[in-house]
Amino acid sequence: MSQKYKCVVIDDEPIAIKVIVNYLNRIDGFEVVATFTNALDALVTLREQQADLLFLDIQMPGINGLEFFKTLQNPPSLIFTTAFRNFAADAFEVNAIDYLVKPIPFERFLKAINKFLDISSAKAVASPASDTSFIVLKSDKKSFKIKVSDILYIESLDDYVKVHTFNQKLVCYLRLAALEEQLKFSPNIIRIHRSFIINTEHVKVFTSYNVEIGDRTIPIGRNYRENANAVLAR
């Protein structure tokens, strides 16, 4: 692998940092450029040095990892590493790639890395000049060429997504964030909830809190509400 992904690790426990650094050293193509036991000490590095992937604890002295990440203007991709399970929903509200609960087995860590690589590959092939009228999705060992305009909505099923179109439903081994990245240049496709992406062309009715597409009512998440309502009102 010629590409070197630059990683930053923030955790108030030095032993937890050592585990992550050791894991990354076992995987070709990843470089740890900085580690911090205090999130605030990382601000300058994350502002001035390009990082591709951030490993971030949540419960730390000084500032909560979730709140810290929200302050970053151009944040890197994010994987949370924490001893607490109860922040998972909040973590995916900020588009975290994964949420790893300590102690973290190497196999589980590697699964998170593969998710990051999938999203990075999607970013590499996506560009404003590319054809955004179709998308290729893999399902049931087959590749399907889908017109973006035929997509009604997409829902997250943890490590899978279900893509609803006019005439079929495809279940794909892909995280919602990765698919969102592939569709980001399609003007009518927006994310309105941590678990849903919709095609605004097919919205029949909407309120500040939900949309109706076909016979499905889909909620609008709190963190997506302002942008969703602005787009739907156009």
C-alpha atoms as a PDB file:
ATOM      1  CA  MET A   1       0.000   0.000   0.000  1.00  0.00           C
ATOM      2  CA  SER A   2       1.655   3.250  -1.165  1.00  0.00           C
ATOM      3  CA  GLN A   3      -0.812   5.533   0.579  1.00  0.00           C
ATOM      4  CA  LYS A   4       0.130   6.435   4.154  1.00  0.00           C
ATOM      5  CA  TYR A   5      -2.806   7.443   6.317  1.00  0.00           C
ATOM      6  CA  LYS A   6      -1.836   9.840   9.098  1.00  0.00           C
ATOM      7  CA  CYS A   7      -3.429   9.026  12.453  1.00  0.00           C
ATOM      8  CA  VAL A   8      -3.862  10.942  15.709  1.00  0.00           C
ATOM      9  CA  VAL A   9      -4.746   9.150  18.957  1.00  0.00           C
ATOM     10  CA  ILE A  10      -6.366  10.940  21.923  1.00  0.00           C
ATOM     11  CA  ASP A  11      -6.993   9.050  25.164  1.00  0.00           C
ATOM     12  CA  ASP A  12      -6.382   9.975  28.790  1.00  0.00           C
ATOM     13  CA  GLU A  13      -5.067   6.456  29.450  1.00  0.00           C
ATOM     14  CA  PRO A  14      -1.484   5.921  28.168  1.00  0.00           C
ATOM     15  CA  ILE A  15      -2.025   2.143  28.100  1.00  0.00           C
ATOM     16  CA  ALA A  16      -5.021   2.578  25.750  1.00  0.00           C
ATOM     17  CA  ILE A  17      -2.897   4.758  23.477  1.00  0.00           C
ATOM     18  CA  LYS A  18      -0.174   2.106  23.428  1.00  0.00           C
ATOM     19  CA  VAL A  19      -2.682  -0.575  22.378  1.00  0.00           C
ATOM     20  CA  ILE A  20      -3.960   1.489  19.452  1.00  0.00           C
ATOM     21  CA  VAL A  21      -0.454   2.472  18.325  1.00  0.00           C
ATOM     22  CA  ASN A  22       0.647  -1.182  18.455  1.00  0.00           C
ATOM     23  CA  TYR A  23      -2.377  -2.244  16.423  1.00  0.00           C
ATOM     24  CA  LEU A  24      -1.715   0.436  13.789  1.00  0.00           C
ATOM     25  CA  ASN A  25       1.925  -0.615  13.564  1.00  0.00           C
ATOM     26  CA  ARG A  26       0.720  -4.082  12.548  1.00  0.00           C
ATOM     27  CA  ILE A  27      -1.246  -2.696   9.580  1.00  0.00           C
ATOM     28  CA  ASP A  28       0.549  -1.507   6.465  1.00  0.00           C
ATOM     29  CA  GLY A  29      -0.217   2.027   5.303  1.00  0.00           C
ATOM     30  CA  PHE A  30      -0.958   3.724   8.651  1.00  0.00           C
ATOM     31  CA  GLU A  31       1.294   6.208  10.456  1.00  0.00           C
ATOM     32  CA  VAL A  32       0.721   7.613  13.941  1.00  0.00           C
ATOM     33  CA  VAL A  33       1.786  11.263  13.751  1.00  0.00           C
ATOM     34  CA  ALA A  34       0.760  12.321  17.285  1.00  0.00           C
ATOM     35  CA  THR A  35      -0.750  11.029  20.530  1.00  0.00           C
ATOM     36  CA  PHE A  36      -2.317  13.028  23.339  1.00  0.00           C
ATOM     37  CA  THR A  37      -3.651  12.309  26.810  1.00  0.00           C
ATOM     38  CA  ASN A  38      -5.520  15.641  26.813  1.00  0.00           C
ATOM     39  CA  ALA A  39      -7.859  16.538  23.962  1.00  0.00           C
ATOM     40  CA  LEU A  40      -7.225  20.276  24.226  1.00  0.00           C
ATOM     41  CA  ASP A  41      -3.505  19.707  23.664  1.00  0.00           C
ATOM     42  CA  ALA A  42      -4.387  18.220  20.267  1.00  0.00           C
ATOM     43  CA  LEU A  43      -6.132  21.315  18.929  1.00  0.00           C
ATOM     44  CA  VAL A  44      -3.087  22.930  17.333  1.00  0.00           C
ATOM     45  CA  THR A  45      -1.934  19.680  15.743  1.00  0.00           C
ATOM     46  CA  LEU A  46      -5.363  18.953  14.259  1.00  0.00           C
ATOM     47  CA  ARG A  47      -5.611  22.517  12.987  1.00  0.00           C
ATOM     48  CA  GLU A  48      -2.158  22.781  11.431  1.00  0.00           C
ATOM     49  CA  GLN A  49      -1.303  19.221  10.428  1.00  0.00           C
ATOM     50  CA  GLN A  50      -3.349  17.166   8.021  1.00  0.00           C
ATOM     51  CA  ALA A  51      -4.685  14.048   9.739  1.00  0.00           C
ATOM     52  CA  ASP A  52      -6.681  11.357   7.958  1.00  0.00           C
ATOM     53  CA  LEU A  53      -7.983   9.390  10.930  1.00  0.00           C
ATOM     54  CA  LEU A  54      -8.612  10.287  14.569  1.00  0.00           C
ATOM     55  CA  PHE A  55      -8.961   7.743  17.376  1.00  0.00           C
ATOM     56  CA  LEU A  56     -10.792   9.510  20.185  1.00  0.00           C
ATOM     57  CA  ASP A  57     -11.814   8.559  23.708  1.00  0.00           C
ATOM     58  CA  ILE A  58     -15.074  10.026  25.048  1.00  0.00           C
ATOM     59  CA  GLN A  59     -14.915  10.256  28.836  1.00  0.00           C
ATOM     60  CA  MET A  60     -11.829  12.395  29.486  1.00  0.00           C
ATOM     61  CA  PRO A  61     -11.001  15.147  31.962  1.00  0.00           C
ATOM     62  CA  GLY A  62     -11.395  18.698  30.708  1.00  0.00           C
ATOM     63  CA  ILE A  63     -13.712  18.042  27.772  1.00  0.00           C
ATOM     64  CA  ASN A  64     -15.895  15.194  26.546  1.00  0.00           C
ATOM     65  CA  GLY A  65     -14.560  13.640  23.339  1.00  0.00           C
ATOM     66  CA  LEU A  66     -17.887  14.093  21.545  1.00  0.00           C
ATOM     67  CA  GLU A  67     -18.017  17.778  22.390  1.00  0.00           C
ATOM     68  CA  PHE A  68     -14.357  18.204  21.468  1.00  0.00           C
ATOM     69  CA  PHE A  69     -14.894  16.686  18.035  1.00  0.00           C
ATOM     70  CA  LYS A  70     -17.808  19.054  17.348  1.00  0.00           C
ATOM     71  CA  THR A  71     -15.445  22.019  17.769  1.00  0.00           C
ATOM     72  CA  LEU A  72     -13.183  20.919  14.891  1.00  0.00           C
ATOM     73  CA  GLN A  73     -13.799  22.848  11.669  1.00  0.00           C
ATOM     74  CA  ASN A  74     -12.205  20.393   9.233  1.00  0.00           C
ATOM     75  CA  PRO A  75     -12.203  17.163  11.209  1.00  0.00           C
ATOM     76  CA  PRO A  76     -10.525  13.960  10.042  1.00  0.00           C
ATOM     77  CA  SER A  77     -12.360  10.670   9.837  1.00  0.00           C
ATOM     78  CA  LEU A  78     -13.277   9.480  13.313  1.00  0.00           C
ATOM     79  CA  ILE A  79     -13.230   6.225  15.271  1.00  0.00           C
ATOM     80  CA  PHE A  80     -14.294   6.406  18.904  1.00  0.00           C
ATOM     81  CA  THR A  81     -12.479   4.233  21.455  1.00  0.00           C
ATOM     82  CA  THR A  82     -14.194   4.148  24.836  1.00  0.00           C
ATOM     83  CA  ALA A  83     -14.996   2.000  27.853  1.00  0.00           C
ATOM     84  CA  PHE A  84     -18.648   3.091  27.751  1.00  0.00           C
ATOM     85  CA  ARG A  85     -21.339   1.675  25.478  1.00  0.00           C
ATOM     86  CA  ASN A  86     -23.994   4.313  26.163  1.00  0.00           C
ATOM     87  CA  PHE A  87     -22.603   6.994  23.832  1.00  0.00           C
ATOM     88  CA  ALA A  88     -22.918   4.959  20.610  1.00  0.00           C
ATOM     89  CA  ALA A  89     -26.017   6.738  19.290  1.00  0.00           C
ATOM     90  CA  ASP A  90     -24.462  10.154  19.898  1.00  0.00           C
ATOM     91  CA  ALA A  91     -21.242   9.012  18.252  1.00  0.00           C
ATOM     92  CA  PHE A  92     -22.927   8.154  14.969  1.00  0.00           C
ATOM     93  CA  GLU A  93     -24.733  11.514  15.002  1.00  0.00           C
ATOM     94  CA  VAL A  94     -21.304  13.036  14.246  1.00  0.00           C
ATOM     95  CA  ASN A  95     -20.698  10.479  11.462  1.00  0.00           C
ATOM     96  CA  ALA A  96     -18.143   8.396  13.332  1.00  0.00           C
ATOM     97  CA  ILE A  97     -16.890   5.508  11.220  1.00  0.00           C
ATOM     98  CA  ASP A  98     -17.006   3.140  14.164  1.00  0.00           C
ATOM     99  CA  TYR A  99     -17.409   2.896  17.919  1.00  0.00           C
ATOM    100  CA  LEU A 100     -14.965   0.572  19.644  1.00  0.00           C
ATOM    101  CA  VAL A 101     -15.541  -0.509  23.230  1.00  0.00           C
ATOM    102  CA  LYS A 102     -12.490  -1.281  25.387  1.00  0.00           C
ATOM    103  CA  PRO A 103     -10.838  -3.696  25.713  1.00  0.00           C
ATOM    104  CA  ILE A 104     -10.605  -3.726  21.925  1.00  0.00           C
ATOM    105  CA  PRO A 105      -9.691  -7.063  20.259  1.00  0.00           C
ATOM    106  CA  PHE A 106      -7.424  -6.715  17.249  1.00  0.00           C
ATOM    107  CA  GLU A 107     -10.008  -8.399  14.990  1.00  0.00           C
ATOM    108  CA  ARG A 108     -12.615  -5.781  15.963  1.00  0.00           C
ATOM    109  CA  PHE A 109     -10.072  -3.004  15.442  1.00  0.00           C
ATOM    110  CA  LEU A 110      -9.250  -4.355  11.988  1.00  0.00           C
ATOM    111  CA  LYS A 111     -12.943  -4.335  11.083  1.00  0.00           C
ATOM    112  CA  ALA A 112     -13.058  -0.607  11.891  1.00  0.00           C
ATOM    113  CA  ILE A 113      -9.963  -0.008   9.763  1.00  0.00           C
ATOM    114  CA  ASN A 114     -11.622  -1.782   6.834  1.00  0.00           C
ATOM    115  CA  LYS A 115     -14.633   0.514   7.170  1.00  0.00           C
ATOM    116  CA  PHE A 116     -12.299   3.507   7.038  1.00  0.00           C
ATOM    117  CA  LEU A 117     -10.594   2.127   3.922  1.00  0.00           C
ATOM    118  CA  ASP A 118     -13.966   1.571   2.228  1.00  0.00           C
ATOM    119  CA  ILE A 119     -14.947   5.196   2.866  1.00  0.00           C
ATOM    120  CA  SER A 120     -11.534   6.449   1.721  1.00  0.00           C
ATOM    121  CA  SER A 121     -11.904   4.483  -1.516  1.00  0.00           C
ATOM    122  CA  ALA A 122     -15.304   6.073  -2.093  1.00  0.00           C
ATOM    123  CA  LYS A 123     -13.800   9.536  -1.597  1.00  0.00           C
ATOM    124  CA  ALA A 124     -11.019   8.755  -4.039  1.00  0.00           C
ATOM    125  CA  VAL A 125     -13.371   7.870  -6.876  1.00  0.00           C
ATOM    126  CA  ALA A 126     -15.976  10.555  -6.177  1.00  0.00           C
ATOM    127  CA  SER A 127     -15.502  13.950  -7.772  1.00  0.00           C
ATOM    128  CA  PRO A 128     -17.775  16.785  -8.980  1.00  0.00           C
ATOM    129  CA  ALA A 129     -16.979  15.867 -12.575  1.00  0.00           C
ATOM    130  CA  SER A 130     -17.978  12.224 -12.242  1.00  0.00           C
ATOM    131  CA  ASP A 131     -21.271  10.871 -13.517  1.00  0.00           C
ATOM    132  CA  THR A 132     -23.661  11.176 -10.599  1.00  0.00           C
ATOM    133  CA  SER A 133     -26.720   9.804 -12.393  1.00  0.00           C
ATOM    134  CA  PHE A 134     -25.891   6.166 -11.551  1.00  0.00           C
ATOM    135  CA  ILE A 135     -24.387   4.290  -8.644  1.00  0.00           C
ATOM    136  CA  VAL A 136     -23.139   0.706  -8.546  1.00  0.00           C
ATOM    137  CA  LEU A 137     -24.166  -1.319  -5.490  1.00  0.00           C
ATOM    138  CA  LYS A 138     -23.136  -4.842  -4.547  1.00  0.00           C
ATOM    139  CA  SER A 139     -25.810  -7.108  -3.120  1.00  0.00           C
ATOM    140  CA  ASP A 140     -26.155 -10.884  -2.970  1.00  0.00           C
ATOM    141  CA  LYS A 141     -22.825 -11.344  -4.831  1.00  0.00           C
ATOM    142  CA  LYS A 142     -24.088  -9.239  -7.749  1.00  0.00           C
ATOM    143  CA  SER A 143     -23.433  -5.671  -8.890  1.00  0.00           C
ATOM    144  CA  PHE A 144     -26.470  -3.483  -9.573  1.00  0.00           C
ATOM    145  CA  LYS A 145     -26.363  -0.264 -11.579  1.00  0.00           C
ATOM    146  CA  ILE A 146     -28.968   1.985  -9.965  1.00  0.00           C
ATOM    147  CA  LYS A 147     -30.229   5.328 -11.223  1.00  0.00           C
ATOM    148  CA  VAL A 148     -29.825   7.815  -8.376  1.00  0.00           C
ATOM    149  CA  SER A 149     -33.140   9.407  -9.322  1.00  0.00           C
ATOM    150  CA  ASP A 150     -34.841   6.025  -8.666  1.00  0.00           C
ATOM    151  CA  ILE A 151     -33.638   5.910  -5.058  1.00  0.00           C
ATOM    152  CA  LEU A 152     -36.420   6.680  -2.597  1.00  0.00           C
ATOM    153  CA  TYR A 153     -34.462   6.431   0.635  1.00  0.00           C
ATOM    154  CA  ILE A 154     -31.650   4.509   2.279  1.00  0.00           C
ATOM    155  CA  GLU A 155     -31.682   3.154   5.813  1.00  0.00           C
ATOM    156  CA  SER A 156     -28.839   1.986   8.002  1.00  0.00           C
ATOM    157  CA  LEU A 157     -28.787  -1.542   9.398  1.00  0.00           C
ATOM    158  CA  ASP A 158     -25.571  -1.260  11.428  1.00  0.00           C
ATOM    159  CA  ASP A 159     -22.878  -2.603   9.068  1.00  0.00           C
ATOM    160  CA  TYR A 160     -25.371  -2.841   6.197  1.00  0.00           C
ATOM    161  CA  VAL A 161     -27.666  -0.470   4.340  1.00  0.00           C
ATOM    162  CA  LYS A 162     -31.017  -1.135   2.716  1.00  0.00           C
ATOM    163  CA  VAL A 163     -31.527   0.897  -0.456  1.00  0.00           C
ATOM    164  CA  HIS A 164     -35.185   1.412  -1.380  1.00  0.00           C
ATOM    165  CA  THR A 165     -35.948   2.214  -5.026  1.00  0.00           C
ATOM    166  CA  PHE A 166     -39.183   2.229  -7.020  1.00  0.00           C
ATOM    167  CA  ASN A 167     -38.994  -1.456  -7.870  1.00  0.00           C
ATOM    168  CA  GLN A 168     -36.511  -3.139  -5.538  1.00  0.00           C
ATOM    169  CA  LYS A 169     -34.818  -3.187  -2.150  1.00  0.00           C
ATOM    170  CA  LEU A 170     -31.098  -3.939  -2.004  1.00  0.00           C
ATOM    171  CA  VAL A 171     -29.265  -4.928   1.165  1.00  0.00           C
ATOM    172  CA  CYS A 172     -25.570  -4.067   0.856  1.00  0.00           C
ATOM    173  CA  TYR A 173     -22.615  -4.668   3.144  1.00  0.00           C
ATOM    174  CA  LEU A 174     -21.726  -1.008   3.462  1.00  0.00           C
ATOM    175  CA  ARG A 175     -21.977   1.639   6.150  1.00  0.00           C
ATOM    176  CA  LEU A 176     -24.318   4.570   5.625  1.00  0.00           C
ATOM    177  CA  ALA A 177     -21.436   7.059   5.886  1.00  0.00           C
ATOM    178  CA  ALA A 178     -19.622   5.363   2.997  1.00  0.00           C
ATOM    179  CA  LEU A 179     -22.687   5.485   0.772  1.00  0.00           C
ATOM    180  CA  GLU A 180     -23.342   9.088   1.777  1.00  0.00           C
ATOM    181  CA  GLU A 181     -19.830   9.936   0.568  1.00  0.00           C
ATOM    182  CA  GLN A 182     -20.488   8.329  -2.817  1.00  0.00           C
ATOM    183  CA  LEU A 183     -23.738  10.260  -3.209  1.00  0.00           C
ATOM    184  CA  LYS A 184     -22.547  13.644  -1.949  1.00  0.00           C
ATOM    185  CA  PHE A 185     -22.537  15.220  -5.419  1.00  0.00           C
ATOM    186  CA  SER A 186     -26.161  14.236  -6.079  1.00  0.00           C
ATOM    187  CA  PRO A 187     -28.092  17.419  -5.217  1.00  0.00           C
ATOM    188  CA  ASN A 188     -31.361  15.749  -4.194  1.00  0.00           C
ATOM    189  CA  ILE A 189     -29.771  13.186  -1.881  1.00  0.00           C
ATOM    190  CA  ILE A 190     -29.429  14.356   1.723  1.00  0.00           C
ATOM    191  CA  ARG A 191     -28.960  12.754   5.109  1.00  0.00           C
ATOM    192  CA  ILE A 192     -31.731  13.646   7.538  1.00  0.00           C
ATOM    193  CA  HIS A 193     -31.004  11.234  10.389  1.00  0.00           C
ATOM    194  CA  ARG A 194     -28.122   9.096  11.644  1.00  0.00           C
ATOM    195  CA  SER A 195     -29.985   6.123  10.121  1.00  0.00           C
ATOM    196  CA  PHE A 196     -31.542   7.628   6.967  1.00  0.00           C
ATOM    197  CA  ILE A 197     -30.617   9.256   3.667  1.00  0.00           C
ATOM    198  CA  ILE A 198     -33.473  10.407   1.439  1.00  0.00           C
ATOM    199  CA  ASN A 199     -34.099  11.575  -2.109  1.00  0.00           C
ATOM    200  CA  THR A 200     -35.929  14.897  -1.759  1.00  0.00           C
ATOM    201  CA  GLU A 201     -37.495  14.427  -5.223  1.00  0.00           C
ATOM    202  CA  HIS A 202     -39.810  11.804  -3.747  1.00  0.00           C
ATOM    203  CA  VAL A 203     -40.902  13.578  -0.563  1.00  0.00           C
ATOM    204  CA  LYS A 204     -44.696  13.935  -0.612  1.00  0.00           C
ATOM    205  CA  VAL A 205     -45.192  15.634   2.749  1.00  0.00           C
ATOM    206  CA  PHE A 206     -42.800  16.960   5.379  1.00  0.00           C
ATOM    207  CA  THR A 207     -42.780  18.686   8.750  1.00  0.00           C
ATOM    208  CA  SER A 208     -39.905  19.956  10.856  1.00  0.00           C
ATOM    209  CA  TYR A 209     -39.630  16.493  12.379  1.00  0.00           C
ATOM    210  CA  ASN A 210     -40.297  13.952   9.619  1.00  0.00           C
ATOM    211  CA  VAL A 211     -40.848  13.326   5.912  1.00  0.00           C
ATOM    212  CA  GLU A 212     -43.207  11.019   4.042  1.00  0.00           C
ATOM    213  CA  ILE A 213     -41.898   9.012   1.098  1.00  0.00           C
ATOM    214  CA  GLY A 214     -44.287   6.463  -0.344  1.00  0.00           C
ATOM    215  CA  ASP A 215     -45.999   4.854   2.634  1.00  0.00           C
ATOM    216  CA  ARG A 216     -43.010   5.412   4.947  1.00  0.00           C
ATOM    217  CA  THR A 217     -42.669   8.197   7.529  1.00  0.00           C
ATOM    218  CA  ILE A 218     -38.992   8.928   8.201  1.00  0.00           C
ATOM    219  CA  PRO A 219     -37.796  10.987  11.175  1.00  0.00           C
ATOM    220  CA  ILE A 220     -35.516  14.009  10.858  1.00  0.00           C
ATOM    221  CA  GLY A 221     -32.715  13.846  13.437  1.00  0.00           C
ATOM    222  CA  ARG A 222     -32.069  16.782  15.722  1.00  0.00           C
ATOM    223  CA  ASN A 223     -28.561  17.399  14.364  1.00  0.00           C
ATOM    224  CA  TYR A 224     -29.795  17.310  10.751  1.00  0.00           C
ATOM    225  CA  ARG A 225     -32.968  19.356  11.217  1.00  0.00           C
ATOM    226  CA  GLU A 226     -31.755  22.817  10.226  1.00  0.00           C
ATOM    227  CA  ASN A 227     -30.162  21.708   6.959  1.00  0.00           C
ATOM    228  CA  ALA A 228     -32.975  19.265   6.092  1.00  0.00           C
ATOM    229  CA  ASN A 229     -35.709  21.857   6.570  1.00  0.00           C
ATOM    230  CA  ALA A 230     -33.783  24.410   4.509  1.00  0.00           C
ATOM    231  CA  VAL A 231     -33.353  21.951   1.604  1.00  0.00           C
ATOM    232  CA  LEU A 232     -36.949  20.675   1.749  1.00  0.00           C
ATOM    233  CA  ALA A 233     -38.347  24.202   1.733  1.00  0.00           C
ATOM    234  CA  ARG A 234     -36.658  25.127  -1.548  1.00  0.00           C
END
